[in-house]
Amino acid sequence: MLGPRIQIDELAMQLPAEYQHRAAAIARLVGEELANLSVTQSHSLEQLTVPPVSLPAGAGDRQVANAVASAIGAQLATSSGTRS
């Protein structure tokens, strides 16, 4: 039996202009980071909004992805969606 997991059907991110050309790589890395995220229960949510994340100037793709995935994890921890 599979434990709790994260499944995202659609991911929309707004990135600053200087990150736009790196969006595909960042999205892929967000997926990798989420796959490594420890969750205690599954969630079923129609939508999850994550507040903007702050990063230092010149942050790399992995650093951006890690910050986004961490913000998603934090929102899941406090969400009130259907849990299973």
N, C-alpha and C. Protein backbone atom coordinates (compact mmCIF):
# COMPACT_ATOMS: atom_id res chain seq x y z
N MET A 1 0.84 -1.18 0.00
CA MET A 1 0.00 0.00 0.00
C MET A 1 0.88 1.25 0.00
N LEU A 2 0.53 2.18 -0.83
CA LEU A 2 1.28 3.42 -0.90
C LEU A 2 0.93 4.33 0.27
N GLY A 3 1.92 5.04 0.75
CA GLY A 3 1.69 6.00 1.81
C GLY A 3 1.20 7.32 1.23
N PRO A 4 1.11 8.33 2.07
CA PRO A 4 0.69 9.65 1.60
C PRO A 4 1.61 10.13 0.48
N ARG A 5 1.02 10.84 -0.46
CA ARG A 5 1.81 11.33 -1.59
C ARG A 5 1.25 12.66 -2.07
N ILE A 6 2.01 13.30 -2.90
CA ILE A 6 1.59 14.57 -3.51
C ILE A 6 1.39 14.31 -5.00
N GLN A 7 0.22 14.67 -5.49
CA GLN A 7 -0.04 14.60 -6.93
C GLN A 7 -0.57 15.96 -7.34
N ILE A 8 0.09 16.56 -8.29
CA ILE A 8 -0.32 17.87 -8.79
C ILE A 8 -0.71 17.72 -10.24
N ASP A 9 -1.96 18.05 -10.55
CA ASP A 9 -2.44 17.94 -11.92
C ASP A 9 -1.99 19.13 -12.77
N GLU A 10 -1.90 20.28 -12.16
CA GLU A 10 -1.50 21.48 -12.89
C GLU A 10 -0.74 22.39 -11.95
N LEU A 11 0.37 22.91 -12.42
CA LEU A 11 1.19 23.82 -11.62
C LEU A 11 1.37 25.11 -12.41
N ALA A 12 0.96 26.21 -11.82
CA ALA A 12 1.14 27.52 -12.44
C ALA A 12 2.01 28.36 -11.51
N MET A 13 3.11 28.85 -12.04
CA MET A 13 4.01 29.68 -11.25
C MET A 13 4.19 31.02 -11.95
N GLN A 14 4.30 32.06 -11.15
CA GLN A 14 4.65 33.37 -11.67
C GLN A 14 6.08 33.64 -11.23
N LEU A 15 6.95 33.75 -12.20
CA LEU A 15 8.36 33.99 -11.90
C LEU A 15 8.76 35.39 -12.35
N PRO A 16 9.72 35.98 -11.66
CA PRO A 16 10.23 37.28 -12.12
C PRO A 16 10.80 37.15 -13.53
N ALA A 17 10.83 38.24 -14.25
CA ALA A 17 11.27 38.24 -15.65
C ALA A 17 12.62 37.55 -15.85
N GLU A 18 13.54 37.75 -14.93
CA GLU A 18 14.88 37.16 -15.10
C GLU A 18 14.89 35.64 -14.97
N TYR A 19 13.80 35.05 -14.50
CA TYR A 19 13.70 33.59 -14.36
C TYR A 19 12.87 32.96 -15.47
N GLN A 20 12.21 33.74 -16.32
CA GLN A 20 11.29 33.20 -17.31
C GLN A 20 11.93 32.17 -18.23
N HIS A 21 13.14 32.41 -18.69
CA HIS A 21 13.79 31.46 -19.60
C HIS A 21 14.20 30.16 -18.89
N ARG A 22 14.12 30.15 -17.57
CA ARG A 22 14.47 28.97 -16.77
C ARG A 22 13.24 28.27 -16.20
N ALA A 23 12.05 28.72 -16.60
CA ALA A 23 10.80 28.22 -16.00
C ALA A 23 10.63 26.71 -16.14
N ALA A 24 10.90 26.15 -17.30
CA ALA A 24 10.71 24.71 -17.51
C ALA A 24 11.63 23.90 -16.59
N ALA A 25 12.88 24.32 -16.50
CA ALA A 25 13.83 23.62 -15.63
C ALA A 25 13.42 23.76 -14.17
N ILE A 26 12.98 24.93 -13.78
CA ILE A 26 12.56 25.15 -12.39
C ILE A 26 11.33 24.30 -12.08
N ALA A 27 10.37 24.23 -12.99
CA ALA A 27 9.17 23.41 -12.77
C ALA A 27 9.54 21.94 -12.61
N ARG A 28 10.45 21.45 -13.44
CA ARG A 28 10.89 20.05 -13.33
C ARG A 28 11.54 19.81 -11.99
N LEU A 29 12.38 20.74 -11.55
CA LEU A 29 13.06 20.61 -10.26
C LEU A 29 12.08 20.71 -9.09
N VAL A 30 11.04 21.52 -9.23
CA VAL A 30 10.00 21.58 -8.19
C VAL A 30 9.38 20.20 -8.03
N GLY A 31 9.10 19.54 -9.15
CA GLY A 31 8.57 18.18 -9.10
C GLY A 31 9.50 17.23 -8.37
N GLU A 32 10.79 17.32 -8.66
CA GLU A 32 11.77 16.47 -7.98
C GLU A 32 11.81 16.76 -6.48
N GLU A 33 11.78 18.03 -6.13
CA GLU A 33 11.81 18.41 -4.72
C GLU A 33 10.55 17.92 -4.00
N LEU A 34 9.40 18.02 -4.66
CA LEU A 34 8.15 17.55 -4.05
C LEU A 34 8.17 16.04 -3.87
N ALA A 35 8.79 15.34 -4.80
CA ALA A 35 8.89 13.88 -4.67
C ALA A 35 9.68 13.48 -3.43
N ASN A 36 10.59 14.33 -3.00
CA ASN A 36 11.40 14.06 -1.82
C ASN A 36 10.80 14.62 -0.54
N LEU A 37 9.70 15.35 -0.67
CA LEU A 37 9.06 15.97 0.49
C LEU A 37 8.33 14.93 1.31
N SER A 38 8.53 14.95 2.60
CA SER A 38 7.86 14.01 3.48
C SER A 38 6.48 14.57 3.85
N VAL A 39 5.44 13.80 3.54
CA VAL A 39 4.08 14.20 3.91
C VAL A 39 3.49 13.13 4.82
N THR A 40 2.65 13.55 5.75
CA THR A 40 2.07 12.62 6.71
C THR A 40 0.70 12.12 6.31
N GLN A 41 0.05 12.82 5.39
CA GLN A 41 -1.26 12.39 4.92
C GLN A 41 -1.49 12.92 3.52
N SER A 42 -2.36 12.24 2.77
CA SER A 42 -2.70 12.68 1.43
C SER A 42 -3.75 13.79 1.51
N HIS A 43 -3.75 14.66 0.53
CA HIS A 43 -4.70 15.77 0.47
C HIS A 43 -5.39 15.75 -0.88
N SER A 44 -6.61 16.20 -0.92
CA SER A 44 -7.30 16.42 -2.18
C SER A 44 -7.81 17.86 -2.14
N LEU A 45 -7.19 18.70 -2.92
CA LEU A 45 -7.52 20.12 -2.92
C LEU A 45 -7.79 20.57 -4.35
N GLU A 46 -8.78 21.40 -4.53
CA GLU A 46 -9.05 21.97 -5.85
C GLU A 46 -7.94 22.95 -6.23
N GLN A 47 -7.47 23.71 -5.25
CA GLN A 47 -6.47 24.73 -5.52
C GLN A 47 -5.67 24.98 -4.26
N LEU A 48 -4.41 25.24 -4.43
CA LEU A 48 -3.53 25.60 -3.32
C LEU A 48 -2.74 26.82 -3.75
N THR A 49 -2.88 27.89 -3.01
CA THR A 49 -2.16 29.12 -3.32
C THR A 49 -1.01 29.27 -2.35
N VAL A 50 0.15 29.49 -2.90
CA VAL A 50 1.35 29.64 -2.08
C VAL A 50 1.80 31.10 -2.17
N PRO A 51 2.08 31.72 -1.03
CA PRO A 51 2.55 33.11 -1.08
C PRO A 51 3.91 33.20 -1.76
N PRO A 52 4.27 34.37 -2.22
CA PRO A 52 5.57 34.55 -2.87
C PRO A 52 6.71 34.10 -1.95
N VAL A 53 7.74 33.54 -2.55
CA VAL A 53 8.92 33.15 -1.79
C VAL A 53 10.03 34.16 -2.04
N SER A 54 10.81 34.42 -1.01
CA SER A 54 11.93 35.35 -1.14
C SER A 54 13.21 34.57 -1.33
N LEU A 55 14.00 35.01 -2.29
CA LEU A 55 15.27 34.37 -2.60
C LEU A 55 16.34 35.42 -2.78
N PRO A 56 17.58 35.05 -2.51
CA PRO A 56 18.66 36.00 -2.75
C PRO A 56 18.86 36.22 -4.25
N ALA A 57 19.40 37.36 -4.60
CA ALA A 57 19.70 37.65 -6.00
C ALA A 57 20.64 36.58 -6.54
N GLY A 58 20.38 36.15 -7.76
CA GLY A 58 21.23 35.16 -8.39
C GLY A 58 20.97 33.73 -7.95
N ALA A 59 19.84 33.48 -7.30
CA ALA A 59 19.52 32.13 -6.83
C ALA A 59 19.47 31.17 -8.02
N GLY A 60 20.01 29.98 -7.82
CA GLY A 60 20.02 28.97 -8.86
C GLY A 60 18.69 28.26 -8.97
N ASP A 61 18.53 27.51 -10.06
CA ASP A 61 17.27 26.81 -10.30
C ASP A 61 16.90 25.88 -9.15
N ARG A 62 17.86 25.11 -8.64
CA ARG A 62 17.58 24.17 -7.55
C ARG A 62 17.15 24.93 -6.30
N GLN A 63 17.78 26.06 -6.04
CA GLN A 63 17.44 26.87 -4.86
C GLN A 63 16.01 27.41 -4.98
N VAL A 64 15.65 27.86 -6.18
CA VAL A 64 14.29 28.35 -6.42
C VAL A 64 13.30 27.20 -6.22
N ALA A 65 13.58 26.04 -6.83
CA ALA A 65 12.69 24.89 -6.74
C ALA A 65 12.53 24.43 -5.30
N ASN A 66 13.61 24.41 -4.55
CA ASN A 66 13.54 23.99 -3.16
C ASN A 66 12.65 24.93 -2.35
N ALA A 67 12.79 26.23 -2.58
CA ALA A 67 11.98 27.21 -1.86
C ALA A 67 10.49 27.06 -2.22
N VAL A 68 10.19 26.84 -3.50
CA VAL A 68 8.81 26.67 -3.92
C VAL A 68 8.22 25.39 -3.33
N ALA A 69 8.96 24.30 -3.41
CA ALA A 69 8.48 23.02 -2.85
C ALA A 69 8.28 23.12 -1.34
N SER A 70 9.18 23.79 -0.66
CA SER A 70 9.04 23.97 0.79
C SER A 70 7.80 24.78 1.12
N ALA A 71 7.53 25.81 0.31
CA ALA A 71 6.33 26.64 0.52
C ALA A 71 5.07 25.82 0.27
N ILE A 72 5.09 24.96 -0.75
CA ILE A 72 3.95 24.09 -1.02
C ILE A 72 3.74 23.14 0.16
N GLY A 73 4.82 22.55 0.66
CA GLY A 73 4.73 21.65 1.81
C GLY A 73 4.17 22.34 3.04
N ALA A 74 4.60 23.57 3.26
CA ALA A 74 4.10 24.33 4.41
C ALA A 74 2.61 24.61 4.27
N GLN A 75 2.17 24.94 3.05
CA GLN A 75 0.74 25.19 2.84
C GLN A 75 -0.06 23.91 3.01
N LEU A 76 0.46 22.78 2.54
CA LEU A 76 -0.25 21.51 2.73
C LEU A 76 -0.39 21.17 4.20
N ALA A 77 0.63 21.47 4.98
CA ALA A 77 0.60 21.17 6.40
C ALA A 77 -0.49 21.94 7.13
N THR A 78 -0.88 23.09 6.57
CA THR A 78 -1.89 23.91 7.24
C THR A 78 -3.21 23.93 6.48
N SER A 79 -3.32 23.17 5.37
CA SER A 79 -4.54 23.21 4.55
C SER A 79 -5.67 22.42 5.22
N SER A 80 -6.88 22.73 4.80
CA SER A 80 -8.04 22.04 5.37
C SER A 80 -8.83 21.31 4.28
N GLY A 81 -8.13 20.86 3.25
CA GLY A 81 -8.80 20.12 2.17
C GLY A 81 -9.20 18.73 2.64
N THR A 82 -9.80 17.97 1.76
CA THR A 82 -10.18 16.59 2.04
C THR A 82 -8.92 15.79 2.26
N ARG A 83 -8.86 15.07 3.36
CA ARG A 83 -7.68 14.30 3.68
C ARG A 83 -8.03 12.82 3.67
N SER A 84 -7.06 12.01 3.26
CA SER A 84 -7.28 10.57 3.26
C SER A 84 -6.08 9.84 3.81
